[in-house]
Amino acid sequence: MKFNANTKIIIMITTLLLVLSVSISLLNFIVSLNAKQQELKHRSLPLSIENIYTEIQRNIIEPNLISSMMAHDTFVKEWLHHQETDRNKIQNYLASIQQKYGMFLTFLVSEKTLIIIHKKALSKNSTLKTRTTPGTSALKTNQKPTKSTWTTTTNFTTQ
């Protein structure tokens, strides 16, 4: 098969256009890939890290701070110091903490009597006598109460 000059030029131009098109597309892909990697590295990942930190703070640090605040509250200290009378006051206090901070559960454990005091009731728990750390605790409302739910206790003593 004989090619005339026009056919050779058309094949050469077509081949050249295909090679250039593939080369430019590959170059464009590499440049776009590098730009996306840089954006991910310098913008998206730091935002993700900040979001993770915010979630940790909201779910772990905040309940710990609230329980610490409850443990150092003068009302709680006075109530425990005065032989734990008038349980309605402490239950109202626990209910107000639960509502104010949006907690799922608030309770207090007395070291003297080993009684768990909740906003609605108090209960003596025989397993508590095996030596539980007395303190206060709180769970966030957006958590389901499962075995893996983070709870926190803060030690306190009355003097």
C-alpha atoms as a PDB file:
ATOM      1  CA  MET A   1       0.000   0.000   0.000  1.00  0.00           C
ATOM      2  CA  LYS A   2       1.396   3.291  -1.095  1.00  0.00           C
ATOM      3  CA  PHE A   3       0.969   6.440   0.906  1.00  0.00           C
ATOM      4  CA  ASN A   4       0.972   9.710  -0.840  1.00  0.00           C
ATOM      5  CA  ALA A   5       2.401  12.839   0.776  1.00  0.00           C
ATOM      6  CA  ASN A   6      -0.969  14.124   2.014  1.00  0.00           C
ATOM      7  CA  THR A   7      -1.746  10.854   3.820  1.00  0.00           C
ATOM      8  CA  LYS A   8       1.670  10.865   5.512  1.00  0.00           C
ATOM      9  CA  ILE A   9       1.121  14.432   6.694  1.00  0.00           C
ATOM     10  CA  ILE A  10      -2.377  13.589   8.005  1.00  0.00           C
ATOM     11  CA  ILE A  11      -1.077  10.520   9.892  1.00  0.00           C
ATOM     12  CA  MET A  12       1.824  12.525  11.312  1.00  0.00           C
ATOM     13  CA  ILE A  13      -0.440  15.383  12.429  1.00  0.00           C
ATOM     14  CA  THR A  14      -2.982  12.931  13.917  1.00  0.00           C
ATOM     15  CA  THR A  15      -0.237  11.090  15.808  1.00  0.00           C
ATOM     16  CA  LEU A  16       1.247  14.349  16.991  1.00  0.00           C
ATOM     17  CA  LEU A  17      -2.180  15.591  18.176  1.00  0.00           C
ATOM     18  CA  LEU A  18      -2.853  12.306  20.019  1.00  0.00           C
ATOM     19  CA  VAL A  19       0.539  12.359  21.722  1.00  0.00           C
ATOM     20  CA  LEU A  20       0.152  16.017  22.702  1.00  0.00           C
ATOM     21  CA  SER A  21      -3.411  15.470  23.935  1.00  0.00           C
ATOM     22  CA  VAL A  22      -2.397  12.488  26.089  1.00  0.00           C
ATOM     23  CA  SER A  23       0.688  14.335  27.362  1.00  0.00           C
ATOM     24  CA  ILE A  24      -1.254  17.480  28.273  1.00  0.00           C
ATOM     25  CA  SER A  25      -3.981  15.400  29.952  1.00  0.00           C
ATOM     26  CA  LEU A  26      -1.376  13.482  31.964  1.00  0.00           C
ATOM     27  CA  LEU A  27       0.396  16.705  32.935  1.00  0.00           C
ATOM     28  CA  ASN A  28      -2.938  18.279  33.921  1.00  0.00           C
ATOM     29  CA  PHE A  29      -3.759  15.200  36.031  1.00  0.00           C
ATOM     30  CA  ILE A  30      -0.409  15.358  37.845  1.00  0.00           C
ATOM     31  CA  VAL A  31      -0.752  19.093  38.548  1.00  0.00           C
ATOM     32  CA  SER A  32      -4.330  18.644  39.816  1.00  0.00           C
ATOM     33  CA  LEU A  33      -3.291  15.702  41.979  1.00  0.00           C
ATOM     34  CA  ASN A  34      -0.461  17.709  43.565  1.00  0.00           C
ATOM     35  CA  ALA A  35      -2.781  20.677  44.158  1.00  0.00           C
ATOM     36  CA  LYS A  36      -5.386  18.467  45.863  1.00  0.00           C
ATOM     37  CA  GLN A  37      -2.717  16.804  48.005  1.00  0.00           C
ATOM     38  CA  GLN A  38      -1.435  20.203  49.127  1.00  0.00           C
ATOM     39  CA  GLU A  39      -4.987  21.393  49.880  1.00  0.00           C
ATOM     40  CA  LEU A  40      -5.675  18.242  51.869  1.00  0.00           C
ATOM     41  CA  LYS A  41      -2.397  18.535  53.746  1.00  0.00           C
ATOM     42  CA  HIS A  42      -2.605  22.233  54.574  1.00  0.00           C
ATOM     43  CA  ARG A  43      -6.341  22.901  54.839  1.00  0.00           C
ATOM     44  CA  SER A  44      -8.583  19.859  55.220  1.00  0.00           C
ATOM     45  CA  LEU A  45      -6.514  17.782  57.635  1.00  0.00           C
ATOM     46  CA  PRO A  46      -6.010  20.595  60.148  1.00  0.00           C
ATOM     47  CA  LEU A  47      -9.779  21.177  60.110  1.00  0.00           C
ATOM     48  CA  SER A  48     -10.381  17.467  60.689  1.00  0.00           C
ATOM     49  CA  ILE A  49      -7.929  17.452  63.587  1.00  0.00           C
ATOM     50  CA  GLU A  50      -9.688  20.461  65.078  1.00  0.00           C
ATOM     51  CA  ASN A  51     -13.079  18.744  64.705  1.00  0.00           C
ATOM     52  CA  ILE A  52     -11.749  15.616  66.393  1.00  0.00           C
ATOM     53  CA  TYR A  53     -10.351  17.703  69.247  1.00  0.00           C
ATOM     54  CA  THR A  54     -13.694  19.482  69.610  1.00  0.00           C
ATOM     55  CA  GLU A  55     -15.514  16.137  69.823  1.00  0.00           C
ATOM     56  CA  ILE A  56     -13.042  14.864  72.409  1.00  0.00           C
ATOM     57  CA  GLN A  57     -13.443  18.024  74.422  1.00  0.00           C
ATOM     58  CA  ARG A  58     -17.220  17.867  74.228  1.00  0.00           C
ATOM     59  CA  ASN A  59     -17.520  14.185  75.149  1.00  0.00           C
ATOM     60  CA  ILE A  60     -14.682  13.685  77.611  1.00  0.00           C
ATOM     61  CA  ILE A  61     -13.285  16.896  78.992  1.00  0.00           C
ATOM     62  CA  GLU A  62     -16.590  18.691  79.555  1.00  0.00           C
ATOM     63  CA  PRO A  63     -18.172  15.950  81.746  1.00  0.00           C
ATOM     64  CA  ASN A  64     -14.909  15.742  83.685  1.00  0.00           C
ATOM     65  CA  LEU A  65     -14.941  19.487  84.303  1.00  0.00           C
ATOM     66  CA  ILE A  66     -18.587  19.370  85.352  1.00  0.00           C
ATOM     67  CA  SER A  67     -17.976  16.518  87.789  1.00  0.00           C
ATOM     68  CA  SER A  68     -14.973  18.374  89.182  1.00  0.00           C
ATOM     69  CA  MET A  69     -17.106  21.477  89.597  1.00  0.00           C
ATOM     70  CA  MET A  70     -19.734  19.397  91.399  1.00  0.00           C
ATOM     71  CA  ALA A  71     -17.107  17.845  93.672  1.00  0.00           C
ATOM     72  CA  HIS A  72     -15.810  21.262  94.691  1.00  0.00           C
ATOM     73  CA  ASP A  73     -19.229  22.861  95.057  1.00  0.00           C
ATOM     74  CA  THR A  74     -19.693  24.211  98.588  1.00  0.00           C
ATOM     75  CA  PHE A  75     -23.346  23.112  98.626  1.00  0.00           C
ATOM     76  CA  VAL A  76     -22.353  19.483  98.006  1.00  0.00           C
ATOM     77  CA  LYS A  77     -19.557  19.653 100.575  1.00  0.00           C
ATOM     78  CA  GLU A  78     -21.890  21.161 103.177  1.00  0.00           C
ATOM     79  CA  TRP A  79     -24.624  18.660 102.405  1.00  0.00           C
ATOM     80  CA  LEU A  80     -22.209  15.732 102.828  1.00  0.00           C
ATOM     81  CA  HIS A  81     -20.670  17.250 105.948  1.00  0.00           C
ATOM     82  CA  HIS A  82     -24.044  17.658 107.680  1.00  0.00           C
ATOM     83  CA  GLN A  83     -24.900  13.970 107.753  1.00  0.00           C
ATOM     84  CA  GLU A  84     -26.561  14.017 104.346  1.00  0.00           C
ATOM     85  CA  THR A  85     -29.939  15.284 105.481  1.00  0.00           C
ATOM     86  CA  ASP A  86     -32.698  16.559 103.201  1.00  0.00           C
ATOM     87  CA  ARG A  87     -32.122  14.431 100.128  1.00  0.00           C
ATOM     88  CA  ASN A  88     -34.627  16.534  98.153  1.00  0.00           C
ATOM     89  CA  LYS A  89     -32.136  19.416  98.066  1.00  0.00           C
ATOM     90  CA  ILE A  90     -29.347  17.289  96.621  1.00  0.00           C
ATOM     91  CA  GLN A  91     -31.731  15.643  94.151  1.00  0.00           C
ATOM     92  CA  ASN A  92     -32.883  19.090  93.001  1.00  0.00           C
ATOM     93  CA  TYR A  93     -29.232  20.136  92.714  1.00  0.00           C
ATOM     94  CA  LEU A  94     -28.442  17.069  90.579  1.00  0.00           C
ATOM     95  CA  ALA A  95     -31.507  17.710  88.411  1.00  0.00           C
ATOM     96  CA  SER A  96     -30.439  21.320  87.858  1.00  0.00           C
ATOM     97  CA  ILE A  97     -26.882  20.269  86.903  1.00  0.00           C
ATOM     98  CA  GLN A  98     -28.305  17.674  84.537  1.00  0.00           C
ATOM     99  CA  GLN A  99     -30.576  20.217  82.878  1.00  0.00           C
ATOM    100  CA  LYS A 100     -28.082  23.097  82.821  1.00  0.00           C
ATOM    101  CA  TYR A 101     -25.290  21.122  81.156  1.00  0.00           C
ATOM    102  CA  GLY A 102     -27.441  18.746  79.076  1.00  0.00           C
ATOM    103  CA  MET A 103     -26.205  15.624  80.803  1.00  0.00           C
ATOM    104  CA  PHE A 104     -27.792  12.203  80.393  1.00  0.00           C
ATOM    105  CA  LEU A 105     -27.192  11.248  84.004  1.00  0.00           C
ATOM    106  CA  THR A 106     -25.946  12.962  87.124  1.00  0.00           C
ATOM    107  CA  PHE A 107     -25.388  11.242  90.433  1.00  0.00           C
ATOM    108  CA  LEU A 108     -23.467  11.463  93.660  1.00  0.00           C
ATOM    109  CA  VAL A 109     -21.941   8.630  95.687  1.00  0.00           C
ATOM    110  CA  SER A 110     -21.566   9.156  99.404  1.00  0.00           C
ATOM    111  CA  GLU A 111     -18.361   7.780 100.878  1.00  0.00           C
ATOM    112  CA  LYS A 112     -19.871   7.515 104.373  1.00  0.00           C
ATOM    113  CA  THR A 113     -23.094   5.711 103.559  1.00  0.00           C
ATOM    114  CA  LEU A 114     -22.165   4.210 100.169  1.00  0.00           C
ATOM    115  CA  ILE A 115     -25.482   5.408  98.785  1.00  0.00           C
ATOM    116  CA  ILE A 116     -25.891   6.464  95.180  1.00  0.00           C
ATOM    117  CA  ILE A 117     -28.000   9.583  94.923  1.00  0.00           C
ATOM    118  CA  HIS A 118     -29.635  10.279  91.588  1.00  0.00           C
ATOM    119  CA  LYS A 119     -31.905  13.153  90.631  1.00  0.00           C
ATOM    120  CA  LYS A 120     -35.024  10.963  90.975  1.00  0.00           C
ATOM    121  CA  ALA A 121     -34.121   8.481  93.673  1.00  0.00           C
ATOM    122  CA  LEU A 122     -31.459   7.111  95.920  1.00  0.00           C
ATOM    123  CA  SER A 123     -30.365   3.533  96.043  1.00  0.00           C
ATOM    124  CA  LYS A 124     -28.174   1.352  98.160  1.00  0.00           C
ATOM    125  CA  ASN A 125     -26.193  -0.907  95.935  1.00  0.00           C
ATOM    126  CA  SER A 126     -24.559  -3.982  97.449  1.00  0.00           C
ATOM    127  CA  THR A 127     -21.885  -4.004  94.734  1.00  0.00           C
ATOM    128  CA  LEU A 128     -20.938  -0.498  95.801  1.00  0.00           C
ATOM    129  CA  LYS A 129     -19.603  -1.843  99.086  1.00  0.00           C
ATOM    130  CA  THR A 130     -16.740  -3.525  97.227  1.00  0.00           C
ATOM    131  CA  ARG A 131     -15.085  -0.090  97.257  1.00  0.00           C
ATOM    132  CA  THR A 132     -16.132   2.325  94.596  1.00  0.00           C
ATOM    133  CA  THR A 133     -14.469   5.664  94.245  1.00  0.00           C
ATOM    134  CA  PRO A 134     -16.869   8.166  95.757  1.00  0.00           C
ATOM    135  CA  GLY A 135     -17.569  11.223  93.698  1.00  0.00           C
ATOM    136  CA  THR A 136     -19.853  12.712  91.142  1.00  0.00           C
ATOM    137  CA  SER A 137     -20.395  11.811  87.553  1.00  0.00           C
ATOM    138  CA  ALA A 138     -22.149  13.038  84.463  1.00  0.00           C
ATOM    139  CA  LEU A 139     -22.959  11.678  80.994  1.00  0.00           C
ATOM    140  CA  LYS A 140     -23.777  13.804  77.936  1.00  0.00           C
ATOM    141  CA  THR A 141     -27.319  13.595  76.529  1.00  0.00           C
ATOM    142  CA  ASN A 142     -26.142  12.731  73.041  1.00  0.00           C
ATOM    143  CA  GLN A 143     -24.541   9.533  74.306  1.00  0.00           C
ATOM    144  CA  LYS A 144     -26.425   6.290  74.636  1.00  0.00           C
ATOM    145  CA  PRO A 145     -25.821   4.697  78.047  1.00  0.00           C
ATOM    146  CA  THR A 146     -23.762   1.692  77.044  1.00  0.00           C
ATOM    147  CA  LYS A 147     -20.855  -0.056  78.673  1.00  0.00           C
ATOM    148  CA  SER A 148     -18.496   1.946  76.490  1.00  0.00           C
ATOM    149  CA  THR A 149     -19.928   5.338  77.508  1.00  0.00           C
ATOM    150  CA  TRP A 150     -17.305   7.480  79.210  1.00  0.00           C
ATOM    151  CA  THR A 151     -18.115   8.363  82.771  1.00  0.00           C
ATOM    152  CA  THR A 152     -15.926  10.302  85.071  1.00  0.00           C
ATOM    153  CA  THR A 153     -15.588  10.484  88.806  1.00  0.00           C
ATOM    154  CA  THR A 154     -13.878  13.044  90.916  1.00  0.00           C
ATOM    155  CA  ASN A 155     -12.633  12.272  94.392  1.00  0.00           C
ATOM    156  CA  PHE A 156     -13.623  14.558  97.203  1.00  0.00           C
ATOM    157  CA  THR A 157     -13.626  14.406 100.932  1.00  0.00           C
ATOM    158  CA  THR A 158     -15.321  16.480 103.551  1.00  0.00           C
ATOM    159  CA  GLN A 159     -13.259  17.834 106.371  1.00  0.00           C
END
